[in-house]
């Protein structure tokens, strides 16, 4: 049974409790890791990612809230390289598992491969396949 390592756990603990609960459940059946800067991001970190990896500057990302209302998690492969960024199908498969688990747990979720949640995966203008976020603020 896979479990998060210390680094992924540290990053996950920067996130909203619903994201923590969700991904602690996901990792039990689907090996994955929380990415570098995958939880909370400060102003310097967020702005360094703009515009290449993020479409928003500080403080407009859900990663910029405390606790973070967004997390970047990728499927982990046992053989090198451990994250296969070019494996689009792998990210889609992982996202389906994460979204299904979230639905079972009653946690609404937005995925960076289907921002508008309309199930049309070809109408996105920006793909962030490792990104998952809550559609509501942390204080609700």
C-alpha atoms as a PDB file:
ATOM      1  CA  UNK A   1       0.000   0.000   0.000  1.00  0.00           C
ATOM      2  CA  UNK A   2       1.529   3.344  -1.018  1.00  0.00           C
ATOM      3  CA  UNK A   3       1.814   6.169   1.479  1.00  0.00           C
ATOM      4  CA  UNK A   4       3.040   9.730   1.180  1.00  0.00           C
ATOM      5  CA  UNK A   5       6.655  10.354   2.099  1.00  0.00           C
ATOM      6  CA  UNK A   6       7.670  13.066   4.558  1.00  0.00           C
ATOM      7  CA  UNK A   7       8.039  15.768   1.887  1.00  0.00           C
ATOM      8  CA  UNK A   8       4.636  15.118   0.293  1.00  0.00           C
ATOM      9  CA  UNK A   9       3.036  15.023   3.763  1.00  0.00           C
ATOM     10  CA  UNK A  10       4.614  18.369   4.652  1.00  0.00           C
ATOM     11  CA  UNK A  11       3.306  19.932   1.443  1.00  0.00           C
ATOM     12  CA  UNK A  12      -0.146  18.387   1.873  1.00  0.00           C
ATOM     13  CA  UNK A  13      -0.461  19.731   5.410  1.00  0.00           C
ATOM     14  CA  UNK A  14      -0.339  23.262   3.944  1.00  0.00           C
ATOM     15  CA  UNK A  15      -3.702  22.535   2.334  1.00  0.00           C
ATOM     16  CA  UNK A  16      -7.347  22.795   3.329  1.00  0.00           C
ATOM     17  CA  UNK A  17      -8.478  19.847   5.505  1.00  0.00           C
ATOM     18  CA  UNK A  18     -10.761  18.555   2.716  1.00  0.00           C
ATOM     19  CA  UNK A  19      -7.776  18.248   0.369  1.00  0.00           C
ATOM     20  CA  UNK A  20      -5.754  16.552   3.105  1.00  0.00           C
ATOM     21  CA  UNK A  21      -8.554  14.010   3.735  1.00  0.00           C
ATOM     22  CA  UNK A  22      -9.033  13.410   0.009  1.00  0.00           C
ATOM     23  CA  UNK A  23      -5.413  12.793  -0.903  1.00  0.00           C
ATOM     24  CA  UNK A  24      -4.708  10.700   2.170  1.00  0.00           C
ATOM     25  CA  UNK A  25      -7.476   8.434   0.883  1.00  0.00           C
ATOM     26  CA  UNK A  26      -6.291   8.572  -2.752  1.00  0.00           C
ATOM     27  CA  UNK A  27      -2.701   7.587  -1.939  1.00  0.00           C
ATOM     28  CA  UNK A  28      -3.844   4.388  -0.246  1.00  0.00           C
ATOM     29  CA  UNK A  29      -4.836   2.958  -3.635  1.00  0.00           C
ATOM     30  CA  UNK A  30      -3.026   5.122  -6.189  1.00  0.00           C
ATOM     31  CA  UNK A  31       0.637   5.986  -5.695  1.00  0.00           C
ATOM     32  CA  UNK A  32       1.158   9.714  -6.125  1.00  0.00           C
ATOM     33  CA  UNK A  33       3.172  12.612  -4.802  1.00  0.00           C
ATOM     34  CA  UNK A  34       2.493  16.224  -3.869  1.00  0.00           C
ATOM     35  CA  UNK A  35       4.662  18.346  -6.133  1.00  0.00           C
ATOM     36  CA  UNK A  36       7.193  21.042  -5.240  1.00  0.00           C
ATOM     37  CA  UNK A  37       5.200  24.222  -4.584  1.00  0.00           C
ATOM     38  CA  UNK A  38       2.147  21.977  -4.779  1.00  0.00           C
ATOM     39  CA  UNK A  39       0.550  23.314  -1.594  1.00  0.00           C
ATOM     40  CA  UNK A  40       0.751  26.869  -0.286  1.00  0.00           C
ATOM     41  CA  UNK A  41       2.772  29.420  -2.280  1.00  0.00           C
ATOM     42  CA  UNK A  42       4.038  32.740  -1.018  1.00  0.00           C
ATOM     43  CA  UNK A  43       4.201  35.849  -3.182  1.00  0.00           C
ATOM     44  CA  UNK A  44       7.705  35.216  -4.500  1.00  0.00           C
ATOM     45  CA  UNK A  45       6.951  31.581  -5.358  1.00  0.00           C
ATOM     46  CA  UNK A  46       3.652  32.379  -7.088  1.00  0.00           C
ATOM     47  CA  UNK A  47       5.041  35.213  -9.171  1.00  0.00           C
ATOM     48  CA  UNK A  48       8.048  33.097 -10.216  1.00  0.00           C
ATOM     49  CA  UNK A  49       5.624  30.583 -11.750  1.00  0.00           C
ATOM     50  CA  UNK A  50       3.754  33.274 -13.709  1.00  0.00           C
ATOM     51  CA  UNK A  51       3.146  33.179 -16.677  1.00  0.00           C
ATOM     52  CA  UNK A  52       4.853  29.901 -17.626  1.00  0.00           C
ATOM     53  CA  UNK A  53       3.280  27.518 -15.107  1.00  0.00           C
ATOM     54  CA  UNK A  54       0.509  29.633 -13.617  1.00  0.00           C
ATOM     55  CA  UNK A  55      -1.923  32.008 -15.242  1.00  0.00           C
ATOM     56  CA  UNK A  56      -2.322  34.239 -12.190  1.00  0.00           C
ATOM     57  CA  UNK A  57      -0.049  36.369 -10.040  1.00  0.00           C
ATOM     58  CA  UNK A  58      -0.075  36.649  -6.258  1.00  0.00           C
ATOM     59  CA  UNK A  59      -2.585  36.736  -4.494  1.00  0.00           C
ATOM     60  CA  UNK A  60      -5.042  35.407  -7.074  1.00  0.00           C
ATOM     61  CA  UNK A  61      -4.241  31.688  -6.930  1.00  0.00           C
ATOM     62  CA  UNK A  62      -5.980  29.319  -4.568  1.00  0.00           C
ATOM     63  CA  UNK A  63      -2.434  28.190  -3.722  1.00  0.00           C
ATOM     64  CA  UNK A  64      -1.928  31.616  -2.105  1.00  0.00           C
ATOM     65  CA  UNK A  65      -4.580  31.174   0.587  1.00  0.00           C
ATOM     66  CA  UNK A  66      -3.924  29.675   3.992  1.00  0.00           C
ATOM     67  CA  UNK A  67      -4.601  26.885   4.156  1.00  0.00           C
ATOM     68  CA  UNK A  68      -4.126  26.369   0.437  1.00  0.00           C
ATOM     69  CA  UNK A  69      -7.352  25.654  -1.410  1.00  0.00           C
ATOM     70  CA  UNK A  70      -5.383  24.024  -4.233  1.00  0.00           C
ATOM     71  CA  UNK A  71      -2.840  21.237  -4.472  1.00  0.00           C
ATOM     72  CA  UNK A  72      -0.710  19.850  -7.282  1.00  0.00           C
ATOM     73  CA  UNK A  73      -0.443  16.060  -7.166  1.00  0.00           C
ATOM     74  CA  UNK A  74       0.923  13.742  -9.831  1.00  0.00           C
ATOM     75  CA  UNK A  75       0.774   9.974 -10.303  1.00  0.00           C
ATOM     76  CA  UNK A  76       4.010   8.333  -9.249  1.00  0.00           C
ATOM     77  CA  UNK A  77       5.610   5.651 -11.396  1.00  0.00           C
ATOM     78  CA  UNK A  78       7.855   3.007  -9.873  1.00  0.00           C
ATOM     79  CA  UNK A  79      10.323   3.204 -12.754  1.00  0.00           C
ATOM     80  CA  UNK A  80      12.313   6.223 -13.923  1.00  0.00           C
ATOM     81  CA  UNK A  81      11.253   8.889 -14.444  1.00  0.00           C
ATOM     82  CA  UNK A  82       8.933   8.826 -11.478  1.00  0.00           C
ATOM     83  CA  UNK A  83       6.689  11.538 -12.876  1.00  0.00           C
ATOM     84  CA  UNK A  84       6.022  11.293 -16.577  1.00  0.00           C
ATOM     85  CA  UNK A  85       4.946  14.742 -17.644  1.00  0.00           C
ATOM     86  CA  UNK A  86       4.330  13.573 -21.217  1.00  0.00           C
ATOM     87  CA  UNK A  87       1.957  10.786 -20.097  1.00  0.00           C
ATOM     88  CA  UNK A  88      -1.275  12.699 -20.678  1.00  0.00           C
ATOM     89  CA  UNK A  89      -3.354   9.512 -20.473  1.00  0.00           C
ATOM     90  CA  UNK A  90      -1.790   8.724 -17.097  1.00  0.00           C
ATOM     91  CA  UNK A  91      -2.764  12.138 -15.752  1.00  0.00           C
ATOM     92  CA  UNK A  92      -6.323  11.742 -17.079  1.00  0.00           C
ATOM     93  CA  UNK A  93      -6.589   8.291 -15.481  1.00  0.00           C
ATOM     94  CA  UNK A  94      -5.290   9.633 -12.171  1.00  0.00           C
ATOM     95  CA  UNK A  95      -7.655  12.620 -12.276  1.00  0.00           C
ATOM     96  CA  UNK A  96     -10.622  10.301 -12.864  1.00  0.00           C
ATOM     97  CA  UNK A  97      -9.644   8.293  -9.812  1.00  0.00           C
ATOM     98  CA  UNK A  98      -9.188  11.436  -7.704  1.00  0.00           C
ATOM     99  CA  UNK A  99     -12.490  12.936  -8.849  1.00  0.00           C
ATOM    100  CA  UNK A 100     -14.354   9.667  -8.222  1.00  0.00           C
ATOM    101  CA  UNK A 101     -12.867   9.425  -4.731  1.00  0.00           C
ATOM    102  CA  UNK A 102     -13.786  13.054  -4.057  1.00  0.00           C
ATOM    103  CA  UNK A 103     -17.373  12.411  -5.158  1.00  0.00           C
ATOM    104  CA  UNK A 104     -17.641   9.411  -2.843  1.00  0.00           C
ATOM    105  CA  UNK A 105     -16.328  11.548   0.023  1.00  0.00           C
ATOM    106  CA  UNK A 106     -18.691  14.449  -0.748  1.00  0.00           C
ATOM    107  CA  UNK A 107     -15.829  16.831  -1.576  1.00  0.00           C
ATOM    108  CA  UNK A 108     -16.496  19.079  -4.585  1.00  0.00           C
ATOM    109  CA  UNK A 109     -13.385  19.408  -6.719  1.00  0.00           C
ATOM    110  CA  UNK A 110     -12.143  21.269  -9.776  1.00  0.00           C
ATOM    111  CA  UNK A 111      -9.392  19.698 -11.858  1.00  0.00           C
ATOM    112  CA  UNK A 112      -6.949  21.618 -14.055  1.00  0.00           C
ATOM    113  CA  UNK A 113      -7.801  19.463 -17.071  1.00  0.00           C
ATOM    114  CA  UNK A 114     -11.494  20.393 -16.956  1.00  0.00           C
ATOM    115  CA  UNK A 115     -11.721  23.819 -15.299  1.00  0.00           C
ATOM    116  CA  UNK A 116     -15.412  24.317 -16.082  1.00  0.00           C
ATOM    117  CA  UNK A 117     -16.405  20.774 -15.005  1.00  0.00           C
ATOM    118  CA  UNK A 118     -18.435  20.310 -18.181  1.00  0.00           C
ATOM    119  CA  UNK A 119     -16.822  16.922 -19.039  1.00  0.00           C
ATOM    120  CA  UNK A 120     -15.605  18.356 -22.377  1.00  0.00           C
ATOM    121  CA  UNK A 121     -11.863  17.895 -22.016  1.00  0.00           C
ATOM    122  CA  UNK A 122     -11.035  19.590 -25.319  1.00  0.00           C
ATOM    123  CA  UNK A 123     -12.380  23.074 -24.527  1.00  0.00           C
ATOM    124  CA  UNK A 124      -9.649  24.186 -22.108  1.00  0.00           C
ATOM    125  CA  UNK A 125      -7.343  27.088 -22.897  1.00  0.00           C
ATOM    126  CA  UNK A 126      -4.843  26.083 -20.189  1.00  0.00           C
ATOM    127  CA  UNK A 127      -4.093  22.572 -19.003  1.00  0.00           C
ATOM    128  CA  UNK A 128      -2.691  21.997 -15.510  1.00  0.00           C
ATOM    129  CA  UNK A 129      -3.193  18.255 -15.225  1.00  0.00           C
ATOM    130  CA  UNK A 130      -1.659  17.918 -11.743  1.00  0.00           C
ATOM    131  CA  UNK A 131      -3.825  20.716 -10.272  1.00  0.00           C
ATOM    132  CA  UNK A 132      -6.854  20.110  -8.040  1.00  0.00           C
ATOM    133  CA  UNK A 133      -8.736  22.823  -6.182  1.00  0.00           C
ATOM    134  CA  UNK A 134     -11.784  23.385  -4.048  1.00  0.00           C
ATOM    135  CA  UNK A 135     -14.540  25.440  -5.671  1.00  0.00           C
ATOM    136  CA  UNK A 136     -15.294  27.169  -2.361  1.00  0.00           C
ATOM    137  CA  UNK A 137     -13.256  29.363   0.000  1.00  0.00           C
ATOM    138  CA  UNK A 138     -11.596  27.736   3.003  1.00  0.00           C
ATOM    139  CA  UNK A 139     -13.655  29.799   5.442  1.00  0.00           C
ATOM    140  CA  UNK A 140     -17.012  28.371   4.276  1.00  0.00           C
END
